[in-house]
């Protein structure tokens, strides 16, 4: 027999807390008001001179986008889940509201950030908050890159040169133009082809938090963004990277600036690695592998694929993805009692 209760809502919320609601942990440890203030500073709220329905509070929208990245939801799925899911409603503060941000509202908020050049704002604000809690970059840094795929594009042979120049053929309809990503590029890795963008990232060795990122097209080589993601705030001068970042000229330059380079060496058919180089690679492998945990965490959040079109939206999406990873990691560090020092 099904038991009915006048207090079913409260009982369900209590059960959620017992089971360990991830969003509840974030609520306990993260200052969302500070994140919203950073967003409003970088991308001011639209004027209401012409009237109309007032926009949802920025803090509420920050929470919505965080959920979207945490559970890898499209704008349409996000709208549905906000209507349907108790933990989402509770987290964004809409438990007793008849109104929720629909797919258009979510899309408009993200476009506001892109137009204001504020795609990196939340990621930077999250890292400032981590530092205030004492989780500064320590123990050296690990640099790596990952391909982020987008849906493959079907383009005629005669259109390829036009698209390569980041232009669109004149005969494409407006609908077709909206669906074609002319900025994503093809690349090969381990003899397999991928289409999309690339995320280069630096994580600190102590806490495995992402400190700097760079988004580019997939065709740009990882090594081009090595120096762009070096975190000068790290308390250690050690830099770890895999064989894809070998560059003797750059290593010499960075060493002269005081960095300690730990880049694995690669051999070839004509010149295999010596025993000393093999031993050096093994020594580097263990600390360097910690960055793979970071990219695995991003992959769990859906960080290996994109639903958006264009580099600008990819930049926004991946900055929010990295910020979400850091917040989830931050909550874990707090709950696990890993004290910042």
C-alpha atoms as a PDB file:
ATOM      1  CA  UNK A   1       0.000   0.000   0.000  1.00  0.00           C
ATOM      2  CA  UNK A   2       1.310   3.465  -0.962  1.00  0.00           C
ATOM      3  CA  UNK A   3       1.673   5.781   2.001  1.00  0.00           C
ATOM      4  CA  UNK A   4       0.431   9.347   1.530  1.00  0.00           C
ATOM      5  CA  UNK A   5       1.791  12.211   3.607  1.00  0.00           C
ATOM      6  CA  UNK A   6       1.047  15.898   3.987  1.00  0.00           C
ATOM      7  CA  UNK A   7       4.784  16.404   4.518  1.00  0.00           C
ATOM      8  CA  UNK A   8       5.986  14.430   1.475  1.00  0.00           C
ATOM      9  CA  UNK A   9       8.045  17.351   0.124  1.00  0.00           C
ATOM     10  CA  UNK A  10       9.962  17.840   3.374  1.00  0.00           C
ATOM     11  CA  UNK A  11      10.482  14.092   3.760  1.00  0.00           C
ATOM     12  CA  UNK A  12      11.898  13.834   0.235  1.00  0.00           C
ATOM     13  CA  UNK A  13      14.269  16.744   0.842  1.00  0.00           C
ATOM     14  CA  UNK A  14      15.498  15.116   4.049  1.00  0.00           C
ATOM     15  CA  UNK A  15      16.089  11.881   2.157  1.00  0.00           C
ATOM     16  CA  UNK A  16      18.041  13.760  -0.518  1.00  0.00           C
ATOM     17  CA  UNK A  17      20.307  15.192   2.165  1.00  0.00           C
ATOM     18  CA  UNK A  18      20.897  11.727   3.637  1.00  0.00           C
ATOM     19  CA  UNK A  19      21.851  10.308   0.233  1.00  0.00           C
ATOM     20  CA  UNK A  20      24.358  13.128  -0.339  1.00  0.00           C
ATOM     21  CA  UNK A  21      23.137  15.776  -2.773  1.00  0.00           C
ATOM     22  CA  UNK A  22      26.149  17.205  -4.668  1.00  0.00           C
ATOM     23  CA  UNK A  23      24.374  20.516  -5.112  1.00  0.00           C
ATOM     24  CA  UNK A  24      23.834  20.749  -1.349  1.00  0.00           C
ATOM     25  CA  UNK A  25      27.608  20.404  -0.815  1.00  0.00           C
ATOM     26  CA  UNK A  26      28.265  23.202  -3.294  1.00  0.00           C
ATOM     27  CA  UNK A  27      25.694  25.337  -1.487  1.00  0.00           C
ATOM     28  CA  UNK A  28      27.622  24.890   1.774  1.00  0.00           C
ATOM     29  CA  UNK A  29      31.064  25.804   0.444  1.00  0.00           C
ATOM     30  CA  UNK A  30      30.673  28.198  -2.517  1.00  0.00           C
ATOM     31  CA  UNK A  31      29.934  31.931  -2.377  1.00  0.00           C
ATOM     32  CA  UNK A  32      27.569  32.236  -5.335  1.00  0.00           C
ATOM     33  CA  UNK A  33      26.783  35.880  -4.568  1.00  0.00           C
ATOM     34  CA  UNK A  34      30.452  36.733  -5.196  1.00  0.00           C
ATOM     35  CA  UNK A  35      30.422  34.840  -8.507  1.00  0.00           C
ATOM     36  CA  UNK A  36      27.262  36.683  -9.575  1.00  0.00           C
ATOM     37  CA  UNK A  37      28.817  40.035  -8.642  1.00  0.00           C
ATOM     38  CA  UNK A  38      31.810  39.257 -10.878  1.00  0.00           C
ATOM     39  CA  UNK A  39      29.479  38.419 -13.761  1.00  0.00           C
ATOM     40  CA  UNK A  40      27.455  41.621 -13.309  1.00  0.00           C
ATOM     41  CA  UNK A  41      30.654  43.666 -13.212  1.00  0.00           C
ATOM     42  CA  UNK A  42      31.959  42.133 -16.458  1.00  0.00           C
ATOM     43  CA  UNK A  43      28.569  41.893 -18.212  1.00  0.00           C
ATOM     44  CA  UNK A  44      26.133  44.435 -16.698  1.00  0.00           C
ATOM     45  CA  UNK A  45      22.477  43.469 -16.568  1.00  0.00           C
ATOM     46  CA  UNK A  46      20.409  44.859 -19.477  1.00  0.00           C
ATOM     47  CA  UNK A  47      18.605  48.153 -18.997  1.00  0.00           C
ATOM     48  CA  UNK A  48      14.885  48.062 -18.194  1.00  0.00           C
ATOM     49  CA  UNK A  49      14.106  51.458 -19.711  1.00  0.00           C
ATOM     50  CA  UNK A  50      11.774  49.834 -22.252  1.00  0.00           C
ATOM     51  CA  UNK A  51       9.938  47.866 -19.557  1.00  0.00           C
ATOM     52  CA  UNK A  52       9.095  44.217 -19.949  1.00  0.00           C
ATOM     53  CA  UNK A  53       9.427  41.342 -17.534  1.00  0.00           C
ATOM     54  CA  UNK A  54      12.447  41.762 -15.230  1.00  0.00           C
ATOM     55  CA  UNK A  55      15.273  39.287 -15.873  1.00  0.00           C
ATOM     56  CA  UNK A  56      16.022  36.525 -13.394  1.00  0.00           C
ATOM     57  CA  UNK A  57      18.684  37.427 -10.795  1.00  0.00           C
ATOM     58  CA  UNK A  58      22.238  36.860 -11.992  1.00  0.00           C
ATOM     59  CA  UNK A  59      23.010  34.550  -9.058  1.00  0.00           C
ATOM     60  CA  UNK A  60      20.097  32.322 -10.044  1.00  0.00           C
ATOM     61  CA  UNK A  61      21.366  32.156 -13.646  1.00  0.00           C
ATOM     62  CA  UNK A  62      24.909  31.381 -12.463  1.00  0.00           C
ATOM     63  CA  UNK A  63      23.481  28.450 -10.522  1.00  0.00           C
ATOM     64  CA  UNK A  64      21.499  27.312 -13.575  1.00  0.00           C
ATOM     65  CA  UNK A  65      24.598  27.309 -15.788  1.00  0.00           C
ATOM     66  CA  UNK A  66      26.561  25.475 -13.116  1.00  0.00           C
ATOM     67  CA  UNK A  67      23.928  22.709 -13.013  1.00  0.00           C
ATOM     68  CA  UNK A  68      23.919  22.619 -16.806  1.00  0.00           C
ATOM     69  CA  UNK A  69      27.674  21.977 -16.890  1.00  0.00           C
ATOM     70  CA  UNK A  70      27.644  19.612 -13.906  1.00  0.00           C
ATOM     71  CA  UNK A  71      25.072  17.316 -15.520  1.00  0.00           C
ATOM     72  CA  UNK A  72      25.937  18.067 -19.179  1.00  0.00           C
ATOM     73  CA  UNK A  73      22.477  19.264 -20.191  1.00  0.00           C
ATOM     74  CA  UNK A  74      21.335  21.139 -23.282  1.00  0.00           C
ATOM     75  CA  UNK A  75      19.276  24.317 -22.869  1.00  0.00           C
ATOM     76  CA  UNK A  76      16.115  22.333 -23.663  1.00  0.00           C
ATOM     77  CA  UNK A  77      16.976  19.594 -21.163  1.00  0.00           C
ATOM     78  CA  UNK A  78      17.835  22.224 -18.560  1.00  0.00           C
ATOM     79  CA  UNK A  79      14.396  23.797 -18.887  1.00  0.00           C
ATOM     80  CA  UNK A  80      12.696  20.409 -18.496  1.00  0.00           C
ATOM     81  CA  UNK A  81      14.782  19.391 -15.484  1.00  0.00           C
ATOM     82  CA  UNK A  82      14.127  22.696 -13.709  1.00  0.00           C
ATOM     83  CA  UNK A  83      10.416  21.975 -14.036  1.00  0.00           C
ATOM     84  CA  UNK A  84      10.743  18.356 -12.978  1.00  0.00           C
ATOM     85  CA  UNK A  85      13.632  17.920 -10.536  1.00  0.00           C
ATOM     86  CA  UNK A  86      13.400  18.745  -6.844  1.00  0.00           C
ATOM     87  CA  UNK A  87      17.141  19.081  -6.173  1.00  0.00           C
ATOM     88  CA  UNK A  88      17.556  21.524  -9.089  1.00  0.00           C
ATOM     89  CA  UNK A  89      14.615  23.681  -7.972  1.00  0.00           C
ATOM     90  CA  UNK A  90      15.952  23.773  -4.430  1.00  0.00           C
ATOM     91  CA  UNK A  91      19.477  24.704  -5.510  1.00  0.00           C
ATOM     92  CA  UNK A  92      18.458  27.627  -7.744  1.00  0.00           C
ATOM     93  CA  UNK A  93      15.837  28.898  -5.289  1.00  0.00           C
ATOM     94  CA  UNK A  94      12.723  28.141  -7.335  1.00  0.00           C
ATOM     95  CA  UNK A  95      11.183  25.467  -5.108  1.00  0.00           C
ATOM     96  CA  UNK A  96       7.983  27.489  -4.638  1.00  0.00           C
ATOM     97  CA  UNK A  97       7.982  29.526  -7.871  1.00  0.00           C
ATOM     98  CA  UNK A  98       5.739  29.013 -10.868  1.00  0.00           C
ATOM     99  CA  UNK A  99       8.333  30.636 -13.145  1.00  0.00           C
ATOM    100  CA  UNK A 100      11.615  29.084 -14.256  1.00  0.00           C
ATOM    101  CA  UNK A 101      14.224  30.186 -16.827  1.00  0.00           C
ATOM    102  CA  UNK A 102      13.249  28.622 -20.133  1.00  0.00           C
ATOM    103  CA  UNK A 103      15.632  27.599 -22.926  1.00  0.00           C
ATOM    104  CA  UNK A 104      15.527  31.062 -24.522  1.00  0.00           C
ATOM    105  CA  UNK A 105      16.354  32.778 -21.223  1.00  0.00           C
ATOM    106  CA  UNK A 106      19.334  30.464 -20.684  1.00  0.00           C
ATOM    107  CA  UNK A 107      20.600  31.030 -24.228  1.00  0.00           C
ATOM    108  CA  UNK A 108      20.151  34.825 -23.901  1.00  0.00           C
ATOM    109  CA  UNK A 109      22.141  34.893 -20.654  1.00  0.00           C
ATOM    110  CA  UNK A 110      25.049  33.061 -22.279  1.00  0.00           C
ATOM    111  CA  UNK A 111      24.957  35.372 -25.297  1.00  0.00           C
ATOM    112  CA  UNK A 112      25.092  38.351 -22.914  1.00  0.00           C
ATOM    113  CA  UNK A 113      28.370  37.017 -21.513  1.00  0.00           C
ATOM    114  CA  UNK A 114      29.845  36.392 -24.970  1.00  0.00           C
ATOM    115  CA  UNK A 115      28.905  39.843 -26.273  1.00  0.00           C
ATOM    116  CA  UNK A 116      30.446  41.486 -23.189  1.00  0.00           C
ATOM    117  CA  UNK A 117      33.680  39.510 -23.602  1.00  0.00           C
ATOM    118  CA  UNK A 118      33.012  37.895 -20.218  1.00  0.00           C
ATOM    119  CA  UNK A 119      33.372  34.227 -21.157  1.00  0.00           C
ATOM    120  CA  UNK A 120      36.306  33.733 -18.758  1.00  0.00           C
ATOM    121  CA  UNK A 121      34.790  35.734 -15.883  1.00  0.00           C
ATOM    122  CA  UNK A 122      33.340  32.879 -13.829  1.00  0.00           C
ATOM    123  CA  UNK A 123      36.442  30.687 -14.197  1.00  0.00           C
ATOM    124  CA  UNK A 124      38.612  33.549 -12.957  1.00  0.00           C
ATOM    125  CA  UNK A 125      36.186  34.372 -10.128  1.00  0.00           C
ATOM    126  CA  UNK A 126      36.138  30.737  -9.008  1.00  0.00           C
ATOM    127  CA  UNK A 127      39.948  30.653  -8.868  1.00  0.00           C
ATOM    128  CA  UNK A 128      40.020  33.842  -6.807  1.00  0.00           C
ATOM    129  CA  UNK A 129      37.575  32.225  -4.382  1.00  0.00           C
ATOM    130  CA  UNK A 130      39.773  29.112  -4.154  1.00  0.00           C
ATOM    131  CA  UNK A 131      42.768  31.289  -3.286  1.00  0.00           C
ATOM    132  CA  UNK A 132      40.802  33.101  -0.580  1.00  0.00           C
ATOM    133  CA  UNK A 133      40.131  29.710   1.011  1.00  0.00           C
ATOM    134  CA  UNK A 134      43.861  28.965   0.919  1.00  0.00           C
ATOM    135  CA  UNK A 135      43.844  26.593  -2.048  1.00  0.00           C
ATOM    136  CA  UNK A 136      46.596  28.385  -3.913  1.00  0.00           C
ATOM    137  CA  UNK A 137      48.538  26.693  -6.701  1.00  0.00           C
ATOM    138  CA  UNK A 138      51.234  24.567  -5.073  1.00  0.00           C
ATOM    139  CA  UNK A 139      53.669  21.736  -5.758  1.00  0.00           C
ATOM    140  CA  UNK A 140      54.357  22.517  -9.392  1.00  0.00           C
ATOM    141  CA  UNK A 141      52.092  22.413 -12.417  1.00  0.00           C
ATOM    142  CA  UNK A 142      51.045  19.873 -15.031  1.00  0.00           C
ATOM    143  CA  UNK A 143      50.247  20.917 -18.593  1.00  0.00           C
ATOM    144  CA  UNK A 144      48.268  18.918 -21.138  1.00  0.00           C
ATOM    145  CA  UNK A 145      45.608  19.292 -23.823  1.00  0.00           C
ATOM    146  CA  UNK A 146      42.463  17.471 -24.888  1.00  0.00           C
ATOM    147  CA  UNK A 147      40.388  17.459 -28.067  1.00  0.00           C
ATOM    148  CA  UNK A 148      36.771  18.553 -27.617  1.00  0.00           C
ATOM    149  CA  UNK A 149      34.635  17.207 -30.433  1.00  0.00           C
ATOM    150  CA  UNK A 150      31.703  18.860 -32.176  1.00  0.00           C
ATOM    151  CA  UNK A 151      29.249  17.274 -34.654  1.00  0.00           C
ATOM    152  CA  UNK A 152      30.970  16.572 -37.974  1.00  0.00           C
ATOM    153  CA  UNK A 153      30.092  18.942 -40.812  1.00  0.00           C
ATOM    154  CA  UNK A 154      28.938  17.774 -44.236  1.00  0.00           C
ATOM    155  CA  UNK A 155      30.431  20.279 -46.675  1.00  0.00           C
ATOM    156  CA  UNK A 156      30.702  19.937 -50.434  1.00  0.00           C
ATOM    157  CA  UNK A 157      34.142  19.803 -52.005  1.00  0.00           C
ATOM    158  CA  UNK A 158      33.713  23.139 -53.768  1.00  0.00           C
ATOM    159  CA  UNK A 159      32.700  24.829 -50.479  1.00  0.00           C
ATOM    160  CA  UNK A 160      35.744  23.738 -48.460  1.00  0.00           C
ATOM    161  CA  UNK A 161      38.048  26.589 -49.520  1.00  0.00           C
ATOM    162  CA  UNK A 162      35.399  29.167 -48.601  1.00  0.00           C
ATOM    163  CA  UNK A 163      34.819  27.576 -45.187  1.00  0.00           C
ATOM    164  CA  UNK A 164      38.588  27.285 -44.602  1.00  0.00           C
ATOM    165  CA  UNK A 165      38.718  31.088 -44.886  1.00  0.00           C
ATOM    166  CA  UNK A 166      36.048  31.271 -42.133  1.00  0.00           C
ATOM    167  CA  UNK A 167      33.402  32.466 -44.581  1.00  0.00           C
ATOM    168  CA  UNK A 168      30.085  31.002 -45.667  1.00  0.00           C
ATOM    169  CA  UNK A 169      28.989  30.227 -49.252  1.00  0.00           C
ATOM    170  CA  UNK A 170      26.498  32.801 -50.506  1.00  0.00           C
ATOM    171  CA  UNK A 171      23.897  30.174 -51.426  1.00  0.00           C
ATOM    172  CA  UNK A 172      23.563  28.806 -47.893  1.00  0.00           C
ATOM    173  CA  UNK A 173      20.157  29.533 -46.386  1.00  0.00           C
ATOM    174  CA  UNK A 174      19.897  31.315 -43.007  1.00  0.00           C
ATOM    175  CA  UNK A 175      18.895  28.015 -41.387  1.00  0.00           C
ATOM    176  CA  UNK A 176      21.911  26.220 -42.826  1.00  0.00           C
ATOM    177  CA  UNK A 177      24.225  29.049 -41.729  1.00  0.00           C
ATOM    178  CA  UNK A 178      23.041  28.677 -38.126  1.00  0.00           C
ATOM    179  CA  UNK A 179      23.812  24.957 -38.179  1.00  0.00           C
ATOM    180  CA  UNK A 180      27.289  25.063 -39.720  1.00  0.00           C
ATOM    181  CA  UNK A 181      30.418  25.507 -37.633  1.00  0.00           C
ATOM    182  CA  UNK A 182      32.971  27.116 -39.932  1.00  0.00           C
ATOM    183  CA  UNK A 183      35.559  27.639 -37.175  1.00  0.00           C
ATOM    184  CA  UNK A 184      35.990  24.064 -35.908  1.00  0.00           C
ATOM    185  CA  UNK A 185      38.814  22.107 -37.573  1.00  0.00           C
ATOM    186  CA  UNK A 186      39.950  18.537 -38.187  1.00  0.00           C
ATOM    187  CA  UNK A 187      42.975  16.977 -36.523  1.00  0.00           C
ATOM    188  CA  UNK A 188      44.516  13.519 -36.165  1.00  0.00           C
ATOM    189  CA  UNK A 189      45.554  11.744 -32.986  1.00  0.00           C
ATOM    190  CA  UNK A 190      46.855   8.172 -32.910  1.00  0.00           C
ATOM    191  CA  UNK A 191      45.835   7.850 -36.584  1.00  0.00           C
ATOM    192  CA  UNK A 192      42.218   8.736 -35.790  1.00  0.00           C
ATOM    193  CA  UNK A 193      40.499  11.884 -37.087  1.00  0.00           C
ATOM    194  CA  UNK A 194      38.642  14.316 -34.825  1.00  0.00           C
ATOM    195  CA  UNK A 195      36.629  17.455 -35.584  1.00  0.00           C
ATOM    196  CA  UNK A 196      36.226  20.324 -33.152  1.00  0.00           C
ATOM    197  CA  UNK A 197      38.285  22.367 -30.720  1.00  0.00           C
ATOM    198  CA  UNK A 198      41.132  21.908 -28.251  1.00  0.00           C
ATOM    199  CA  UNK A 199      41.372  22.657 -24.560  1.00  0.00           C
ATOM    200  CA  UNK A 200      44.885  23.260 -23.208  1.00  0.00           C
ATOM    201  CA  UNK A 201      45.047  23.366 -19.430  1.00  0.00           C
ATOM    202  CA  UNK A 202      47.409  23.771 -16.503  1.00  0.00           C
ATOM    203  CA  UNK A 203      46.587  22.126 -13.165  1.00  0.00           C
ATOM    204  CA  UNK A 204      48.528  22.404  -9.938  1.00  0.00           C
ATOM    205  CA  UNK A 205      50.123  19.215  -8.625  1.00  0.00           C
ATOM    206  CA  UNK A 206      49.044  19.653  -4.993  1.00  0.00           C
ATOM    207  CA  UNK A 207      45.265  20.030  -5.349  1.00  0.00           C
ATOM    208  CA  UNK A 208      44.609  19.045  -8.994  1.00  0.00           C
ATOM    209  CA  UNK A 209      42.705  22.289  -9.603  1.00  0.00           C
ATOM    210  CA  UNK A 210      42.695  23.900 -13.048  1.00  0.00           C
ATOM    211  CA  UNK A 211      44.577  27.195 -12.937  1.00  0.00           C
ATOM    212  CA  UNK A 212      44.771  28.386 -16.556  1.00  0.00           C
ATOM    213  CA  UNK A 213      43.177  27.299 -19.829  1.00  0.00           C
ATOM    214  CA  UNK A 214      43.397  28.140 -23.514  1.00  0.00           C
ATOM    215  CA  UNK A 215      40.783  27.193 -26.125  1.00  0.00           C
ATOM    216  CA  UNK A 216      41.681  26.873 -29.794  1.00  0.00           C
ATOM    217  CA  UNK A 217      40.666  24.961 -32.895  1.00  0.00           C
ATOM    218  CA  UNK A 218      41.595  21.269 -32.880  1.00  0.00           C
ATOM    219  CA  UNK A 219      44.136  21.719 -35.679  1.00  0.00           C
ATOM    220  CA  UNK A 220      46.398  23.973 -33.596  1.00  0.00           C
ATOM    221  CA  UNK A 221      49.237  21.937 -32.102  1.00  0.00           C
ATOM    222  CA  UNK A 222      49.304  21.493 -28.325  1.00  0.00           C
ATOM    223  CA  UNK A 223      52.791  22.952 -28.049  1.00  0.00           C
ATOM    224  CA  UNK A 224      51.678  26.355 -29.412  1.00  0.00           C
ATOM    225  CA  UNK A 225      49.808  27.080 -26.166  1.00  0.00           C
ATOM    226  CA  UNK A 226      52.344  25.701 -23.694  1.00  0.00           C
ATOM    227  CA  UNK A 227      53.586  29.081 -22.495  1.00  0.00           C
ATOM    228  CA  UNK A 228      50.102  30.610 -22.614  1.00  0.00           C
ATOM    229  CA  UNK A 229      48.892  28.267 -19.852  1.00  0.00           C
ATOM    230  CA  UNK A 230      51.929  28.444 -17.551  1.00  0.00           C
ATOM    231  CA  UNK A 231      50.732  29.572 -14.114  1.00  0.00           C
ATOM    232  CA  UNK A 232      53.219  32.080 -12.700  1.00  0.00           C
ATOM    233  CA  UNK A 233      51.404  32.084  -9.332  1.00  0.00           C
ATOM    234  CA  UNK A 234      52.395  28.492  -8.493  1.00  0.00           C
ATOM    235  CA  UNK A 235      54.624  28.276  -5.418  1.00  0.00           C
ATOM    236  CA  UNK A 236      56.892  25.749  -7.180  1.00  0.00           C
ATOM    237  CA  UNK A 237      58.883  26.271 -10.376  1.00  0.00           C
ATOM    238  CA  UNK A 238      58.400  22.657 -11.561  1.00  0.00           C
ATOM    239  CA  UNK A 239      56.545  22.087 -14.842  1.00  0.00           C
ATOM    240  CA  UNK A 240      55.513  18.577 -15.950  1.00  0.00           C
ATOM    241  CA  UNK A 241      54.448  17.657 -19.490  1.00  0.00           C
ATOM    242  CA  UNK A 242      54.355  14.649 -21.821  1.00  0.00           C
ATOM    243  CA  UNK A 243      56.310  13.878 -24.996  1.00  0.00           C
ATOM    244  CA  UNK A 244      54.087  16.065 -27.146  1.00  0.00           C
ATOM    245  CA  UNK A 245      55.667  19.207 -25.677  1.00  0.00           C
ATOM    246  CA  UNK A 246      59.329  18.513 -26.490  1.00  0.00           C
ATOM    247  CA  UNK A 247      60.963  21.718 -27.711  1.00  0.00           C
ATOM    248  CA  UNK A 248      64.626  22.256 -26.789  1.00  0.00           C
ATOM    249  CA  UNK A 249      64.637  25.978 -27.636  1.00  0.00           C
ATOM    250  CA  UNK A 250      61.603  26.719 -25.470  1.00  0.00           C
ATOM    251  CA  UNK A 251      62.899  24.552 -22.619  1.00  0.00           C
ATOM    252  CA  UNK A 252      66.222  26.407 -22.628  1.00  0.00           C
ATOM    253  CA  UNK A 253      64.407  29.758 -22.584  1.00  0.00           C
ATOM    254  CA  UNK A 254      62.127  28.750 -19.701  1.00  0.00           C
ATOM    255  CA  UNK A 255      65.042  27.301 -17.734  1.00  0.00           C
ATOM    256  CA  UNK A 256      66.844  30.613 -18.078  1.00  0.00           C
ATOM    257  CA  UNK A 257      63.736  32.222 -16.494  1.00  0.00           C
ATOM    258  CA  UNK A 258      64.018  29.916 -13.489  1.00  0.00           C
ATOM    259  CA  UNK A 259      61.555  27.152 -14.415  1.00  0.00           C
ATOM    260  CA  UNK A 260      62.471  23.494 -13.774  1.00  0.00           C
ATOM    261  CA  UNK A 261      61.352  21.580 -16.848  1.00  0.00           C
ATOM    262  CA  UNK A 262      60.170  17.967 -16.565  1.00  0.00           C
ATOM    263  CA  UNK A 263      59.153  17.133 -20.138  1.00  0.00           C
ATOM    264  CA  UNK A 264      59.269  13.484 -21.137  1.00  0.00           C
ATOM    265  CA  UNK A 265      61.557  12.610 -24.032  1.00  0.00           C
ATOM    266  CA  UNK A 266      60.521  10.701 -27.140  1.00  0.00           C
ATOM    267  CA  UNK A 267      62.670   8.447 -29.271  1.00  0.00           C
ATOM    268  CA  UNK A 268      62.362   7.425 -32.877  1.00  0.00           C
ATOM    269  CA  UNK A 269      63.317   4.517 -35.065  1.00  0.00           C
ATOM    270  CA  UNK A 270      66.769   5.890 -35.894  1.00  0.00           C
ATOM    271  CA  UNK A 271      67.535   7.224 -32.410  1.00  0.00           C
ATOM    272  CA  UNK A 272      65.876   5.277 -29.562  1.00  0.00           C
ATOM    273  CA  UNK A 273      65.901   6.585 -26.023  1.00  0.00           C
ATOM    274  CA  UNK A 274      68.885   5.784 -23.841  1.00  0.00           C
ATOM    275  CA  UNK A 275      68.458   3.967 -20.508  1.00  0.00           C
ATOM    276  CA  UNK A 276      68.967   7.255 -18.664  1.00  0.00           C
ATOM    277  CA  UNK A 277      66.218   8.916 -20.729  1.00  0.00           C
ATOM    278  CA  UNK A 278      63.885   5.972 -20.080  1.00  0.00           C
ATOM    279  CA  UNK A 279      64.497   6.271 -16.340  1.00  0.00           C
ATOM    280  CA  UNK A 280      63.874  10.027 -16.521  1.00  0.00           C
ATOM    281  CA  UNK A 281      60.575   9.437 -18.351  1.00  0.00           C
ATOM    282  CA  UNK A 282      59.460   6.995 -15.651  1.00  0.00           C
ATOM    283  CA  UNK A 283      60.279   9.507 -12.912  1.00  0.00           C
ATOM    284  CA  UNK A 284      58.200  12.165 -14.662  1.00  0.00           C
ATOM    285  CA  UNK A 285      55.321   9.786 -15.501  1.00  0.00           C
ATOM    286  CA  UNK A 286      53.864   9.531 -11.985  1.00  0.00           C
ATOM    287  CA  UNK A 287      53.501  13.258 -11.152  1.00  0.00           C
ATOM    288  CA  UNK A 288      52.545  14.083 -14.757  1.00  0.00           C
ATOM    289  CA  UNK A 289      49.785  11.457 -14.728  1.00  0.00           C
ATOM    290  CA  UNK A 290      47.886  13.495 -12.139  1.00  0.00           C
ATOM    291  CA  UNK A 291      46.771  15.822 -14.916  1.00  0.00           C
ATOM    292  CA  UNK A 292      44.993  12.857 -16.531  1.00  0.00           C
ATOM    293  CA  UNK A 293      42.765  12.730 -13.438  1.00  0.00           C
ATOM    294  CA  UNK A 294      41.793  16.333 -14.180  1.00  0.00           C
ATOM    295  CA  UNK A 295      40.834  15.597 -17.784  1.00  0.00           C
ATOM    296  CA  UNK A 296      38.989  12.469 -16.654  1.00  0.00           C
ATOM    297  CA  UNK A 297      36.992  14.702 -14.301  1.00  0.00           C
ATOM    298  CA  UNK A 298      36.185  17.039 -17.166  1.00  0.00           C
ATOM    299  CA  UNK A 299      35.146  14.071 -19.304  1.00  0.00           C
ATOM    300  CA  UNK A 300      32.698  12.978 -16.569  1.00  0.00           C
ATOM    301  CA  UNK A 301      31.107  16.414 -16.882  1.00  0.00           C
ATOM    302  CA  UNK A 302      30.784  16.016 -20.650  1.00  0.00           C
ATOM    303  CA  UNK A 303      33.932  18.013 -21.383  1.00  0.00           C
ATOM    304  CA  UNK A 304      34.844  15.887 -24.410  1.00  0.00           C
ATOM    305  CA  UNK A 305      32.031  17.189 -26.615  1.00  0.00           C
ATOM    306  CA  UNK A 306      30.315  20.476 -27.455  1.00  0.00           C
ATOM    307  CA  UNK A 307      26.755  21.269 -28.478  1.00  0.00           C
ATOM    308  CA  UNK A 308      27.562  24.871 -29.413  1.00  0.00           C
ATOM    309  CA  UNK A 309      28.737  26.334 -32.716  1.00  0.00           C
ATOM    310  CA  UNK A 310      31.767  28.601 -33.119  1.00  0.00           C
ATOM    311  CA  UNK A 311      34.924  29.390 -31.175  1.00  0.00           C
ATOM    312  CA  UNK A 312      33.296  32.125 -29.065  1.00  0.00           C
ATOM    313  CA  UNK A 313      30.648  29.747 -27.696  1.00  0.00           C
ATOM    314  CA  UNK A 314      33.221  26.968 -27.283  1.00  0.00           C
ATOM    315  CA  UNK A 315      35.299  29.375 -25.184  1.00  0.00           C
ATOM    316  CA  UNK A 316      32.298  30.202 -22.970  1.00  0.00           C
ATOM    317  CA  UNK A 317      31.264  26.553 -22.619  1.00  0.00           C
ATOM    318  CA  UNK A 318      34.743  25.288 -21.705  1.00  0.00           C
ATOM    319  CA  UNK A 319      35.442  28.104 -19.242  1.00  0.00           C
ATOM    320  CA  UNK A 320      32.219  27.230 -17.417  1.00  0.00           C
ATOM    321  CA  UNK A 321      33.122  23.533 -17.612  1.00  0.00           C
ATOM    322  CA  UNK A 322      36.533  24.183 -16.033  1.00  0.00           C
ATOM    323  CA  UNK A 323      34.926  26.415 -13.366  1.00  0.00           C
ATOM    324  CA  UNK A 324      32.402  23.674 -12.562  1.00  0.00           C
ATOM    325  CA  UNK A 325      35.159  21.071 -12.279  1.00  0.00           C
ATOM    326  CA  UNK A 326      37.055  23.342  -9.866  1.00  0.00           C
ATOM    327  CA  UNK A 327      33.990  23.946  -7.703  1.00  0.00           C
ATOM    328  CA  UNK A 328      33.202  20.247  -7.500  1.00  0.00           C
ATOM    329  CA  UNK A 329      36.847  19.508  -6.659  1.00  0.00           C
ATOM    330  CA  UNK A 330      36.825  22.308  -4.068  1.00  0.00           C
ATOM    331  CA  UNK A 331      33.754  20.813  -2.361  1.00  0.00           C
ATOM    332  CA  UNK A 332      35.466  17.412  -2.337  1.00  0.00           C
ATOM    333  CA  UNK A 333      38.642  18.836  -0.771  1.00  0.00           C
ATOM    334  CA  UNK A 334      36.573  20.531   1.929  1.00  0.00           C
ATOM    335  CA  UNK A 335      34.487  17.431   2.698  1.00  0.00           C
ATOM    336  CA  UNK A 336      37.557  15.177   2.687  1.00  0.00           C
ATOM    337  CA  UNK A 337      39.274  17.458   5.195  1.00  0.00           C
ATOM    338  CA  UNK A 338      42.199  18.187   2.855  1.00  0.00           C
ATOM    339  CA  UNK A 339      43.293  21.393   4.486  1.00  0.00           C
ATOM    340  CA  UNK A 340      44.825  24.232   2.489  1.00  0.00           C
ATOM    341  CA  UNK A 341      48.265  25.236   3.714  1.00  0.00           C
END
